[in-house]
Amino acid sequence: MDRDPERHSLSPDALQKIYETRVSPRLFRGAESVEQPTAIVLGGQPGSGKTPMQNHATREFAGSGGMVKIIGDDLRAFLPHYKSLQRADDKTAAFYTDRDSGRLVEKAIAEAAQRRVNVLVEGTMRNPETVAATLQQFRDAGFRTDARALAVSPEMSSLGVLQRYAAQKESRGIGRMTTTEAHNNALRGMLDTLDRIQDGRLADKLTIYRRGAEVIHSFDLTGPARGGEPRARELVERERSRPLSPQEAQYKQREIERLTPVLQKHGVIPARDPQRNAELSQGKDRTPSPPRRDDDRER
């Protein structure tokens, strides 16, 4: 496979035209400027349940100007070559569109800051520098900044990745697969990002959630660290490593049994592969990884 992530990138002029004519009108349709806008930066590894958290934020701001959602994976759909790349190989299409989707995200963030609308930027929080820059950009524009991170067991998020892929393949014929490497990089990177946010007081508020929007702990970062303030990193690590509850374990096993024939059908796992099926049930995934993303713009 060609290791050049820019191989299918559009020219700056072409990308700007797509943003101005398609992305911006769709994103900011009905958006309301508010006197004191809020920027939410939401993070969690792939499959951790960020979509329900987006919906939670949308309801939260329904009566106070609404919420513009900037989601890199959603913006890929505006790239004219994305569908053809998916049809060719839906396990590498994201790699070849990362740079352009990231550039669209940057344009959308700049417009949201200029318009002074409530905004949610969703990503994995894998890259501390990118998250820090995003929070600072909104803070400099006078926004209230709110960082939200999901603490979810890798077993359950790996299952979530497979659930999404299977559902997309069954309904659309193409899916978006996250490789083991990308999943694990996000797990590690988010911990460093939380350290950066907490130590640098980069947001006004930092909240750690369980899947389903249950709050584990909320930090007020508007002043210096208080005595006895827990570490966000440790809270996430503790939640990730706890044993699954009986209900979670039963749900996981049911889903593995349901997903296995679907994943076999689409070639994700070989038919009648006991070792692969055992790894799947343990939340492991040997999906081949695309080339490393050395300049990943993912948030």
C-alpha atoms as a PDB file:
ATOM      1  CA  MET A   1       0.000   0.000   0.000  1.00  0.00           C
ATOM      2  CA  ASP A   2       1.194   3.514  -0.846  1.00  0.00           C
ATOM      3  CA  ARG A   3       2.330   5.083   2.435  1.00  0.00           C
ATOM      4  CA  ASP A   4       1.731   8.678   1.303  1.00  0.00           C
ATOM      5  CA  PRO A   5      -1.271  10.055   3.261  1.00  0.00           C
ATOM      6  CA  GLU A   6      -1.488  12.984   0.829  1.00  0.00           C
ATOM      7  CA  ARG A   7      -1.852  10.742  -2.218  1.00  0.00           C
ATOM      8  CA  HIS A   8      -5.548  11.556  -2.620  1.00  0.00           C
ATOM      9  CA  SER A   9      -5.553  15.019  -1.041  1.00  0.00           C
ATOM     10  CA  LEU A  10      -7.348  17.830  -2.828  1.00  0.00           C
ATOM     11  CA  SER A  11      -5.777  21.116  -3.811  1.00  0.00           C
ATOM     12  CA  PRO A  12      -6.233  23.999  -1.337  1.00  0.00           C
ATOM     13  CA  ASP A  13      -8.553  25.775  -3.774  1.00  0.00           C
ATOM     14  CA  ALA A  14     -10.707  22.689  -4.308  1.00  0.00           C
ATOM     15  CA  LEU A  15     -10.953  22.048  -0.580  1.00  0.00           C
ATOM     16  CA  GLN A  16     -11.854  25.680   0.114  1.00  0.00           C
ATOM     17  CA  LYS A  17     -14.617  25.543  -2.495  1.00  0.00           C
ATOM     18  CA  ILE A  18     -16.048  22.388  -0.893  1.00  0.00           C
ATOM     19  CA  TYR A  19     -15.952  24.038   2.504  1.00  0.00           C
ATOM     20  CA  GLU A  20     -17.621  27.268   1.371  1.00  0.00           C
ATOM     21  CA  THR A  21     -20.306  25.704  -0.828  1.00  0.00           C
ATOM     22  CA  ARG A  22     -21.130  22.483   1.037  1.00  0.00           C
ATOM     23  CA  VAL A  23     -19.642  22.156   4.506  1.00  0.00           C
ATOM     24  CA  SER A  24     -20.214  25.608   5.983  1.00  0.00           C
ATOM     25  CA  PRO A  25     -23.846  25.972   4.830  1.00  0.00           C
ATOM     26  CA  ARG A  26     -24.681  22.550   6.287  1.00  0.00           C
ATOM     27  CA  LEU A  27     -22.817  22.964   9.584  1.00  0.00           C
ATOM     28  CA  PHE A  28     -23.996  26.453  10.404  1.00  0.00           C
ATOM     29  CA  ARG A  29     -27.562  26.245   9.121  1.00  0.00           C
ATOM     30  CA  GLY A  30     -29.727  27.775  11.838  1.00  0.00           C
ATOM     31  CA  ALA A  31     -26.755  28.432  14.133  1.00  0.00           C
ATOM     32  CA  GLU A  32     -27.310  31.253  16.610  1.00  0.00           C
ATOM     33  CA  SER A  33     -24.616  33.604  17.845  1.00  0.00           C
ATOM     34  CA  VAL A  34     -24.703  33.959  21.616  1.00  0.00           C
ATOM     35  CA  GLU A  35     -23.221  36.479  23.999  1.00  0.00           C
ATOM     36  CA  GLN A  36     -21.262  33.868  25.959  1.00  0.00           C
ATOM     37  CA  PRO A  37     -20.622  30.861  23.697  1.00  0.00           C
ATOM     38  CA  THR A  38     -19.369  27.500  24.949  1.00  0.00           C
ATOM     39  CA  ALA A  39     -16.888  25.238  23.176  1.00  0.00           C
ATOM     40  CA  ILE A  40     -17.019  21.575  24.162  1.00  0.00           C
ATOM     41  CA  VAL A  41     -14.084  19.360  23.223  1.00  0.00           C
ATOM     42  CA  LEU A  42     -15.237  15.749  23.523  1.00  0.00           C
ATOM     43  CA  GLY A  43     -12.803  12.849  23.511  1.00  0.00           C
ATOM     44  CA  GLY A  44     -12.712   9.085  23.788  1.00  0.00           C
ATOM     45  CA  GLN A  45     -11.116   6.182  21.978  1.00  0.00           C
ATOM     46  CA  PRO A  46     -12.932   4.783  18.929  1.00  0.00           C
ATOM     47  CA  GLY A  47     -16.002   2.809  19.939  1.00  0.00           C
ATOM     48  CA  SER A  48     -16.266   4.445  23.364  1.00  0.00           C
ATOM     49  CA  GLY A  49     -19.735   5.889  22.812  1.00  0.00           C
ATOM     50  CA  LYS A  50     -19.141   9.484  21.737  1.00  0.00           C
ATOM     51  CA  THR A  51     -22.315   9.729  19.650  1.00  0.00           C
ATOM     52  CA  PRO A  52     -24.653   9.497  22.683  1.00  0.00           C
ATOM     53  CA  MET A  53     -22.496  12.156  24.339  1.00  0.00           C
ATOM     54  CA  GLN A  54     -22.985  14.412  21.316  1.00  0.00           C
ATOM     55  CA  ASN A  55     -26.731  13.953  21.617  1.00  0.00           C
ATOM     56  CA  HIS A  56     -26.554  14.713  25.344  1.00  0.00           C
ATOM     57  CA  ALA A  57     -24.769  18.010  24.609  1.00  0.00           C
ATOM     58  CA  THR A  58     -27.279  18.901  21.898  1.00  0.00           C
ATOM     59  CA  ARG A  59     -30.158  18.505  24.358  1.00  0.00           C
ATOM     60  CA  GLU A  60     -28.227  20.448  26.984  1.00  0.00           C
ATOM     61  CA  PHE A  61     -27.936  23.508  24.733  1.00  0.00           C
ATOM     62  CA  ALA A  62     -31.292  23.209  22.961  1.00  0.00           C
ATOM     63  CA  GLY A  63     -32.699  26.227  24.777  1.00  0.00           C
ATOM     64  CA  SER A  64     -29.592  28.402  24.727  1.00  0.00           C
ATOM     65  CA  GLY A  65     -28.599  28.889  21.113  1.00  0.00           C
ATOM     66  CA  GLY A  66     -28.212  25.292  20.001  1.00  0.00           C
ATOM     67  CA  MET A  67     -24.988  23.449  19.275  1.00  0.00           C
ATOM     68  CA  VAL A  68     -22.859  23.178  16.129  1.00  0.00           C
ATOM     69  CA  LYS A  69     -21.154  19.765  15.978  1.00  0.00           C
ATOM     70  CA  ILE A  70     -17.770  19.549  14.245  1.00  0.00           C
ATOM     71  CA  ILE A  71     -16.879  15.896  13.721  1.00  0.00           C
ATOM     72  CA  GLY A  72     -14.008  14.980  11.433  1.00  0.00           C
ATOM     73  CA  ASP A  73     -15.432  11.599  10.488  1.00  0.00           C
ATOM     74  CA  ASP A  74     -18.675  13.233   9.371  1.00  0.00           C
ATOM     75  CA  LEU A  75     -16.825  15.785   7.231  1.00  0.00           C
ATOM     76  CA  ARG A  76     -15.160  13.035   5.199  1.00  0.00           C
ATOM     77  CA  ALA A  77     -18.499  12.527   3.453  1.00  0.00           C
ATOM     78  CA  PHE A  78     -18.062  15.925   1.763  1.00  0.00           C
ATOM     79  CA  LEU A  79     -14.850  14.782   0.042  1.00  0.00           C
ATOM     80  CA  PRO A  80     -15.733  13.691  -3.515  1.00  0.00           C
ATOM     81  CA  HIS A  81     -13.324  10.736  -3.525  1.00  0.00           C
ATOM     82  CA  TYR A  82     -14.172   9.292  -0.108  1.00  0.00           C
ATOM     83  CA  LYS A  83     -16.885   6.906  -1.279  1.00  0.00           C
ATOM     84  CA  SER A  84     -14.721   5.509  -4.058  1.00  0.00           C
ATOM     85  CA  LEU A  85     -11.873   4.991  -1.587  1.00  0.00           C
ATOM     86  CA  GLN A  86     -14.274   3.195   0.737  1.00  0.00           C
ATOM     87  CA  ARG A  87     -15.486   0.951  -2.052  1.00  0.00           C
ATOM     88  CA  ALA A  88     -11.892   0.127  -2.953  1.00  0.00           C
ATOM     89  CA  ASP A  89     -10.869  -0.618   0.664  1.00  0.00           C
ATOM     90  CA  ASP A  90     -12.956   0.582   3.589  1.00  0.00           C
ATOM     91  CA  LYS A  91     -10.122  -0.225   6.003  1.00  0.00           C
ATOM     92  CA  THR A  92      -7.744   2.373   4.495  1.00  0.00           C
ATOM     93  CA  ALA A  93     -10.131   5.075   3.233  1.00  0.00           C
ATOM     94  CA  ALA A  94      -9.856   6.994   6.502  1.00  0.00           C
ATOM     95  CA  PHE A  95      -6.051   7.035   6.252  1.00  0.00           C
ATOM     96  CA  TYR A  96      -6.150   8.641   2.809  1.00  0.00           C
ATOM     97  CA  THR A  97      -8.693  11.291   3.844  1.00  0.00           C
ATOM     98  CA  ASP A  98      -7.359  12.185   7.306  1.00  0.00           C
ATOM     99  CA  ARG A  99      -5.449  15.238   6.118  1.00  0.00           C
ATOM    100  CA  ASP A 100      -8.326  16.760   4.181  1.00  0.00           C
ATOM    101  CA  SER A 101     -10.930  16.012   6.854  1.00  0.00           C
ATOM    102  CA  GLY A 102      -8.584  17.599   9.390  1.00  0.00           C
ATOM    103  CA  ARG A 103      -8.286  20.707   7.230  1.00  0.00           C
ATOM    104  CA  LEU A 104     -12.066  20.944   7.011  1.00  0.00           C
ATOM    105  CA  VAL A 105     -12.256  20.671  10.806  1.00  0.00           C
ATOM    106  CA  GLU A 106      -9.767  23.526  11.156  1.00  0.00           C
ATOM    107  CA  LYS A 107     -11.817  25.715   8.822  1.00  0.00           C
ATOM    108  CA  ALA A 108     -15.003  24.907  10.738  1.00  0.00           C
ATOM    109  CA  ILE A 109     -13.382  25.689  14.095  1.00  0.00           C
ATOM    110  CA  ALA A 110     -12.209  29.062  12.804  1.00  0.00           C
ATOM    111  CA  GLU A 111     -15.688  29.905  11.501  1.00  0.00           C
ATOM    112  CA  ALA A 112     -17.371  28.784  14.728  1.00  0.00           C
ATOM    113  CA  ALA A 113     -15.043  31.023  16.732  1.00  0.00           C
ATOM    114  CA  GLN A 114     -15.778  33.955  14.420  1.00  0.00           C
ATOM    115  CA  ARG A 115     -19.540  33.386  14.525  1.00  0.00           C
ATOM    116  CA  ARG A 116     -19.578  32.935  18.329  1.00  0.00           C
ATOM    117  CA  VAL A 117     -21.850  29.907  18.320  1.00  0.00           C
ATOM    118  CA  ASN A 118     -21.944  27.073  20.831  1.00  0.00           C
ATOM    119  CA  VAL A 119     -19.815  24.309  19.365  1.00  0.00           C
ATOM    120  CA  LEU A 120     -18.807  20.717  20.037  1.00  0.00           C
ATOM    121  CA  VAL A 121     -15.577  19.386  18.543  1.00  0.00           C
ATOM    122  CA  GLU A 122     -15.362  15.599  18.726  1.00  0.00           C
ATOM    123  CA  GLY A 123     -12.260  13.442  18.469  1.00  0.00           C
ATOM    124  CA  THR A 124     -10.175  10.897  20.324  1.00  0.00           C
ATOM    125  CA  MET A 125      -8.019  13.380  22.297  1.00  0.00           C
ATOM    126  CA  ARG A 126      -5.077  11.349  21.017  1.00  0.00           C
ATOM    127  CA  ASN A 127      -2.894  14.361  20.282  1.00  0.00           C
ATOM    128  CA  PRO A 128      -2.263  16.660  23.285  1.00  0.00           C
ATOM    129  CA  GLU A 129      -0.874  19.471  21.135  1.00  0.00           C
ATOM    130  CA  THR A 130      -3.891  19.547  18.838  1.00  0.00           C
ATOM    131  CA  VAL A 131      -6.387  19.515  21.703  1.00  0.00           C
ATOM    132  CA  ALA A 132      -4.458  22.235  23.540  1.00  0.00           C
ATOM    133  CA  ALA A 133      -4.411  24.422  20.429  1.00  0.00           C
ATOM    134  CA  THR A 134      -8.148  23.956  19.868  1.00  0.00           C
ATOM    135  CA  LEU A 135      -9.015  24.888  23.457  1.00  0.00           C
ATOM    136  CA  GLN A 136      -6.707  27.902  23.321  1.00  0.00           C
ATOM    137  CA  GLN A 137      -8.222  29.090  20.041  1.00  0.00           C
ATOM    138  CA  PHE A 138     -11.690  29.136  21.566  1.00  0.00           C
ATOM    139  CA  ARG A 139     -10.476  30.630  24.839  1.00  0.00           C
ATOM    140  CA  ASP A 140      -8.755  33.452  22.938  1.00  0.00           C
ATOM    141  CA  ALA A 141     -12.069  34.117  21.165  1.00  0.00           C
ATOM    142  CA  GLY A 142     -13.845  34.549  24.508  1.00  0.00           C
ATOM    143  CA  PHE A 143     -15.540  31.156  24.701  1.00  0.00           C
ATOM    144  CA  ARG A 144     -16.224  29.198  27.843  1.00  0.00           C
ATOM    145  CA  THR A 145     -14.244  25.986  27.368  1.00  0.00           C
ATOM    146  CA  ASP A 146     -15.495  22.581  28.479  1.00  0.00           C
ATOM    147  CA  ALA A 147     -13.432  19.398  28.029  1.00  0.00           C
ATOM    148  CA  ARG A 148     -15.292  16.087  28.294  1.00  0.00           C
ATOM    149  CA  ALA A 149     -13.572  12.692  28.268  1.00  0.00           C
ATOM    150  CA  LEU A 150     -15.026   9.195  28.192  1.00  0.00           C
ATOM    151  CA  ALA A 151     -13.535   6.520  30.459  1.00  0.00           C
ATOM    152  CA  VAL A 152     -14.492   3.225  28.836  1.00  0.00           C
ATOM    153  CA  SER A 153     -13.018  -0.263  29.058  1.00  0.00           C
ATOM    154  CA  PRO A 154     -10.967  -1.195  25.975  1.00  0.00           C
ATOM    155  CA  GLU A 155     -12.993  -4.413  25.847  1.00  0.00           C
ATOM    156  CA  MET A 156     -16.214  -2.477  25.424  1.00  0.00           C
ATOM    157  CA  SER A 157     -14.834   0.097  22.994  1.00  0.00           C
ATOM    158  CA  SER A 158     -13.321  -2.664  20.820  1.00  0.00           C
ATOM    159  CA  LEU A 159     -16.775  -4.208  20.756  1.00  0.00           C
ATOM    160  CA  GLY A 160     -18.230  -0.825  19.823  1.00  0.00           C
ATOM    161  CA  VAL A 161     -15.881  -0.561  16.838  1.00  0.00           C
ATOM    162  CA  LEU A 162     -17.035  -3.948  15.562  1.00  0.00           C
ATOM    163  CA  GLN A 163     -20.705  -3.142  16.179  1.00  0.00           C
ATOM    164  CA  ARG A 164     -20.423   0.042  14.123  1.00  0.00           C
ATOM    165  CA  TYR A 165     -18.555  -1.637  11.281  1.00  0.00           C
ATOM    166  CA  ALA A 166     -20.960  -4.571  11.092  1.00  0.00           C
ATOM    167  CA  ALA A 167     -24.007  -2.290  11.128  1.00  0.00           C
ATOM    168  CA  GLN A 168     -22.573  -0.088   8.373  1.00  0.00           C
ATOM    169  CA  LYS A 169     -21.591  -3.035   6.193  1.00  0.00           C
ATOM    170  CA  GLU A 170     -25.047  -4.567   6.529  1.00  0.00           C
ATOM    171  CA  SER A 171     -26.939  -1.336   5.854  1.00  0.00           C
ATOM    172  CA  ARG A 172     -24.659   0.473   3.379  1.00  0.00           C
ATOM    173  CA  GLY A 173     -22.326  -2.167   1.989  1.00  0.00           C
ATOM    174  CA  ILE A 174     -19.287  -0.205   3.208  1.00  0.00           C
ATOM    175  CA  GLY A 175     -18.102   0.517   6.732  1.00  0.00           C
ATOM    176  CA  ARG A 176     -15.524   2.447   8.722  1.00  0.00           C
ATOM    177  CA  MET A 177     -13.111   0.128  10.505  1.00  0.00           C
ATOM    178  CA  THR A 178     -10.739   1.332  13.203  1.00  0.00           C
ATOM    179  CA  THR A 179      -7.540  -0.680  13.440  1.00  0.00           C
ATOM    180  CA  THR A 180      -6.076  -2.003  16.668  1.00  0.00           C
ATOM    181  CA  GLU A 181      -3.171   0.422  16.336  1.00  0.00           C
ATOM    182  CA  ALA A 182      -5.430   3.468  16.048  1.00  0.00           C
ATOM    183  CA  HIS A 183      -7.596   2.276  18.940  1.00  0.00           C
ATOM    184  CA  ASN A 184      -4.613   1.692  21.227  1.00  0.00           C
ATOM    185  CA  ASN A 185      -2.887   4.935  20.248  1.00  0.00           C
ATOM    186  CA  ALA A 186      -6.040   6.776  21.262  1.00  0.00           C
ATOM    187  CA  LEU A 187      -6.138   4.961  24.609  1.00  0.00           C
ATOM    188  CA  ARG A 188      -2.603   6.075  25.431  1.00  0.00           C
ATOM    189  CA  GLY A 189      -2.766   9.534  23.909  1.00  0.00           C
ATOM    190  CA  MET A 190      -5.896  10.606  25.766  1.00  0.00           C
ATOM    191  CA  LEU A 191      -4.158  10.093  29.114  1.00  0.00           C
ATOM    192  CA  ASP A 192      -1.373  12.485  28.096  1.00  0.00           C
ATOM    193  CA  THR A 193      -3.961  14.955  26.833  1.00  0.00           C
ATOM    194  CA  LEU A 194      -5.804  14.882  30.161  1.00  0.00           C
ATOM    195  CA  ASP A 195      -2.534  15.615  31.963  1.00  0.00           C
ATOM    196  CA  ARG A 196      -1.965  18.562  29.636  1.00  0.00           C
ATOM    197  CA  ILE A 197      -5.469  19.957  30.180  1.00  0.00           C
ATOM    198  CA  GLN A 198      -5.420  19.513  33.952  1.00  0.00           C
ATOM    199  CA  ASP A 199      -1.882  20.750  34.592  1.00  0.00           C
ATOM    200  CA  GLY A 200      -2.188  23.685  32.192  1.00  0.00           C
ATOM    201  CA  ARG A 201      -5.760  24.568  33.269  1.00  0.00           C
ATOM    202  CA  LEU A 202      -6.511  24.692  29.555  1.00  0.00           C
ATOM    203  CA  ALA A 203     -10.288  24.464  29.959  1.00  0.00           C
ATOM    204  CA  ASP A 204     -12.666  26.083  32.396  1.00  0.00           C
ATOM    205  CA  LYS A 205     -14.138  22.677  33.167  1.00  0.00           C
ATOM    206  CA  LEU A 206     -13.006  19.082  32.711  1.00  0.00           C
ATOM    207  CA  THR A 207     -15.437  16.211  33.224  1.00  0.00           C
ATOM    208  CA  ILE A 208     -14.769  12.474  33.129  1.00  0.00           C
ATOM    209  CA  TYR A 209     -17.755  10.343  32.097  1.00  0.00           C
ATOM    210  CA  ARG A 210     -18.645   6.702  31.975  1.00  0.00           C
ATOM    211  CA  ARG A 211     -20.329   5.452  28.828  1.00  0.00           C
ATOM    212  CA  GLY A 212     -23.907   6.690  28.914  1.00  0.00           C
ATOM    213  CA  ALA A 213     -23.050  10.187  30.237  1.00  0.00           C
ATOM    214  CA  GLU A 214     -22.691   9.176  33.901  1.00  0.00           C
ATOM    215  CA  VAL A 215     -20.303  11.625  35.577  1.00  0.00           C
ATOM    216  CA  ILE A 216     -17.300  10.136  37.367  1.00  0.00           C
ATOM    217  CA  HIS A 217     -15.749  13.460  38.364  1.00  0.00           C
ATOM    218  CA  SER A 218     -15.954  17.101  37.310  1.00  0.00           C
ATOM    219  CA  PHE A 219     -13.010  19.482  37.704  1.00  0.00           C
ATOM    220  CA  ASP A 220     -13.236  23.260  38.023  1.00  0.00           C
ATOM    221  CA  LEU A 221     -10.055  24.433  36.298  1.00  0.00           C
ATOM    222  CA  THR A 222     -10.687  28.170  36.546  1.00  0.00           C
ATOM    223  CA  GLY A 223      -8.111  28.502  39.314  1.00  0.00           C
ATOM    224  CA  PRO A 224      -4.967  26.726  40.488  1.00  0.00           C
ATOM    225  CA  ALA A 225      -5.069  23.079  41.515  1.00  0.00           C
ATOM    226  CA  ARG A 226      -6.693  22.524  44.870  1.00  0.00           C
ATOM    227  CA  GLY A 227      -5.290  20.331  47.611  1.00  0.00           C
ATOM    228  CA  GLY A 228      -6.316  16.730  47.138  1.00  0.00           C
ATOM    229  CA  GLU A 229      -7.491  17.267  43.571  1.00  0.00           C
ATOM    230  CA  PRO A 230      -7.623  13.814  41.938  1.00  0.00           C
ATOM    231  CA  ARG A 231      -5.780  13.107  38.724  1.00  0.00           C
ATOM    232  CA  ALA A 232      -8.008  12.813  35.674  1.00  0.00           C
ATOM    233  CA  ARG A 233      -5.605  10.270  34.200  1.00  0.00           C
ATOM    234  CA  GLU A 234      -5.937   7.998  37.225  1.00  0.00           C
ATOM    235  CA  LEU A 235      -9.723   8.194  37.215  1.00  0.00           C
ATOM    236  CA  VAL A 236      -9.790   7.096  33.584  1.00  0.00           C
ATOM    237  CA  GLU A 237      -7.261   4.312  34.123  1.00  0.00           C
ATOM    238  CA  ARG A 238      -9.232   3.000  37.091  1.00  0.00           C
ATOM    239  CA  GLU A 239     -12.495   2.931  35.162  1.00  0.00           C
ATOM    240  CA  ARG A 240     -10.899   1.304  32.138  1.00  0.00           C
ATOM    241  CA  SER A 241      -9.317  -1.468  34.200  1.00  0.00           C
ATOM    242  CA  ARG A 242     -12.230  -2.391  36.452  1.00  0.00           C
ATOM    243  CA  PRO A 243     -13.812  -5.813  35.854  1.00  0.00           C
ATOM    244  CA  LEU A 244     -16.920  -5.801  33.717  1.00  0.00           C
ATOM    245  CA  SER A 245     -20.139  -6.021  35.680  1.00  0.00           C
ATOM    246  CA  PRO A 246     -22.186  -9.212  35.207  1.00  0.00           C
ATOM    247  CA  GLN A 247     -24.612  -7.246  33.043  1.00  0.00           C
ATOM    248  CA  GLU A 248     -21.785  -5.848  30.893  1.00  0.00           C
ATOM    249  CA  ALA A 249     -20.171  -9.276  30.524  1.00  0.00           C
ATOM    250  CA  GLN A 250     -23.468 -10.857  29.474  1.00  0.00           C
ATOM    251  CA  TYR A 251     -24.157  -8.068  26.986  1.00  0.00           C
ATOM    252  CA  LYS A 252     -20.681  -8.408  25.518  1.00  0.00           C
ATOM    253  CA  GLN A 253     -21.011 -12.165  25.077  1.00  0.00           C
ATOM    254  CA  ARG A 254     -24.414 -11.830  23.409  1.00  0.00           C
ATOM    255  CA  GLU A 255     -23.045  -9.227  21.013  1.00  0.00           C
ATOM    256  CA  ILE A 256     -19.990 -11.321  20.137  1.00  0.00           C
ATOM    257  CA  GLU A 257     -22.242 -14.249  19.311  1.00  0.00           C
ATOM    258  CA  ARG A 258     -24.431 -11.983  17.175  1.00  0.00           C
ATOM    259  CA  LEU A 259     -21.535 -10.246  15.411  1.00  0.00           C
ATOM    260  CA  THR A 260     -19.338 -13.249  14.651  1.00  0.00           C
ATOM    261  CA  PRO A 261     -21.297 -14.534  11.612  1.00  0.00           C
ATOM    262  CA  VAL A 262     -21.670 -10.982  10.271  1.00  0.00           C
ATOM    263  CA  LEU A 263     -17.931 -10.308  10.573  1.00  0.00           C
ATOM    264  CA  GLN A 264     -17.163 -13.679   8.999  1.00  0.00           C
ATOM    265  CA  LYS A 265     -19.502 -12.845   6.135  1.00  0.00           C
ATOM    266  CA  HIS A 266     -17.599  -9.622   5.423  1.00  0.00           C
ATOM    267  CA  GLY A 267     -14.147 -11.146   5.802  1.00  0.00           C
ATOM    268  CA  VAL A 268     -13.139  -9.388   9.011  1.00  0.00           C
ATOM    269  CA  ILE A 269     -12.566 -12.777  10.632  1.00  0.00           C
ATOM    270  CA  PRO A 270     -12.160 -16.096   8.796  1.00  0.00           C
ATOM    271  CA  ALA A 271     -15.022 -18.553   9.010  1.00  0.00           C
ATOM    272  CA  ARG A 272     -14.556 -21.245  11.651  1.00  0.00           C
ATOM    273  CA  ASP A 273     -11.463 -19.615  13.175  1.00  0.00           C
ATOM    274  CA  PRO A 274     -11.607 -20.632  16.868  1.00  0.00           C
ATOM    275  CA  GLN A 275      -8.496 -18.631  17.825  1.00  0.00           C
ATOM    276  CA  ARG A 276      -9.757 -15.441  16.173  1.00  0.00           C
ATOM    277  CA  ASN A 277     -13.199 -15.855  17.707  1.00  0.00           C
ATOM    278  CA  ALA A 278     -11.634 -16.347  21.144  1.00  0.00           C
ATOM    279  CA  GLU A 279      -9.628 -13.140  20.723  1.00  0.00           C
ATOM    280  CA  LEU A 280     -12.764 -11.317  19.610  1.00  0.00           C
ATOM    281  CA  SER A 281     -14.571 -12.412  22.763  1.00  0.00           C
ATOM    282  CA  GLN A 282     -11.692 -11.009  24.831  1.00  0.00           C
ATOM    283  CA  GLY A 283     -11.947  -7.601  23.176  1.00  0.00           C
ATOM    284  CA  LYS A 284      -8.862  -8.121  21.001  1.00  0.00           C
ATOM    285  CA  ASP A 285      -8.631  -7.261  17.331  1.00  0.00           C
ATOM    286  CA  ARG A 286      -5.979  -8.230  14.813  1.00  0.00           C
ATOM    287  CA  THR A 287      -7.339  -6.071  12.013  1.00  0.00           C
ATOM    288  CA  PRO A 288      -4.306  -5.120   9.865  1.00  0.00           C
ATOM    289  CA  SER A 289      -3.178  -1.561  10.450  1.00  0.00           C
ATOM    290  CA  PRO A 290      -2.731   0.975   7.665  1.00  0.00           C
ATOM    291  CA  PRO A 291       0.486   3.013   7.560  1.00  0.00           C
ATOM    292  CA  ARG A 292       1.281   5.040  10.653  1.00  0.00           C
ATOM    293  CA  ARG A 293      -0.168   8.571  10.697  1.00  0.00           C
ATOM    294  CA  ASP A 294       2.900  10.588  11.615  1.00  0.00           C
ATOM    295  CA  ASP A 295       1.158  13.936  11.182  1.00  0.00           C
ATOM    296  CA  ASP A 296      -2.328  12.977  12.286  1.00  0.00           C
ATOM    297  CA  ARG A 297      -4.691  15.932  12.589  1.00  0.00           C
ATOM    298  CA  GLU A 298      -7.216  13.931  14.573  1.00  0.00           C
ATOM    299  CA  ARG A 299      -8.325  15.585  17.781  1.00  0.00           C
END
